[in-house]
Protein backbone atom coordinates (compact mmCIF):
# COMPACT_ATOMS: atom_id res chain seq x y z
CA MET A 1 -15.57 -17.50 26.66
CA ASN A 2 -18.48 -18.20 28.91
CA TYR A 3 -18.32 -16.52 32.32
CA ASP A 4 -19.20 -19.89 33.90
CA ASN A 5 -15.76 -21.19 32.87
CA ILE A 6 -13.95 -18.65 35.03
CA PRO A 7 -12.82 -20.18 38.34
CA SER A 8 -14.71 -18.94 41.38
CA ASN A 9 -12.10 -20.05 43.90
CA PRO A 10 -9.77 -17.05 44.42
CA MET A 11 -6.57 -19.11 44.29
CA MET A 12 -7.66 -20.82 41.08
CA LEU A 13 -8.75 -17.47 39.69
CA LEU A 14 -5.32 -16.04 40.46
CA SER A 15 -3.60 -18.79 38.54
CA PHE A 16 -6.11 -18.59 35.70
CA MET A 17 -5.79 -14.82 35.26
CA ASN A 18 -1.99 -14.72 35.45
CA THR A 19 -1.66 -17.63 33.05
CA LYS A 20 -4.13 -16.15 30.56
CA MET A 21 -2.43 -12.73 30.64
CA ARG A 22 0.94 -14.37 30.06
CA ASP A 23 -0.18 -16.84 27.39
CA GLU A 24 -2.48 -14.47 25.52
CA ASN A 25 -0.07 -11.54 25.86
CA MET A 26 -2.83 -9.24 27.15
CA ASN A 27 -3.04 -6.82 30.01
CA LEU A 28 -5.81 -7.06 32.59
CA ASP A 29 -8.17 -4.68 30.80
CA GLU A 30 -7.76 -6.45 27.48
CA LEU A 31 -8.26 -9.87 29.03
CA CYS A 32 -11.38 -8.83 30.92
CA TYR A 33 -12.80 -7.35 27.74
CA ASP A 34 -11.93 -10.49 25.79
CA LEU A 35 -13.49 -12.78 28.41
CA GLU A 36 -16.44 -10.44 28.92
CA ILE A 37 -15.90 -10.27 32.66
CA ASP A 38 -16.01 -7.36 35.09
CA ARG A 39 -12.51 -6.09 35.88
CA ASP A 40 -13.53 -4.65 39.24
CA GLU A 41 -15.06 -7.94 40.29
CA ILE A 42 -11.83 -9.81 39.48
CA VAL A 43 -9.68 -7.25 41.27
CA SER A 44 -11.98 -7.33 44.29
CA LYS A 45 -12.03 -11.11 44.50
CA LEU A 46 -8.23 -11.34 44.29
CA SER A 47 -7.76 -8.57 46.82
CA MET A 48 -9.55 -10.84 49.31
CA ILE A 49 -6.49 -13.09 49.19
CA HIS A 50 -4.14 -10.09 49.26
CA TYR A 51 -3.21 -9.96 45.60
CA LYS A 52 -3.26 -6.85 43.49
CA TYR A 53 -2.63 -6.20 39.85
CA ASP A 54 0.86 -4.92 39.03
CA LYS A 55 0.69 -3.08 35.73
CA ASP A 56 4.46 -3.16 35.17
CA LEU A 57 4.67 -6.93 35.68
CA ASN A 58 1.29 -7.49 34.07
CA ARG A 59 0.25 -9.98 36.70
CA PHE A 60 -1.35 -10.24 40.10
CA VAL A 61 1.23 -10.24 42.87
């Protein structure tokens, strides 16, 4: 997937990431690798809207 197709708006990114992890049955590391995106950048962007990755739930909460 092209990095340009990843939403830049944090709320849209949140929905995108959680949906992709659920639908593709991947954890955050696997999804970031698959999409060729920087995990730290995603985590940082979503932390700006007070969401963090929950490994047990495999989603941002």
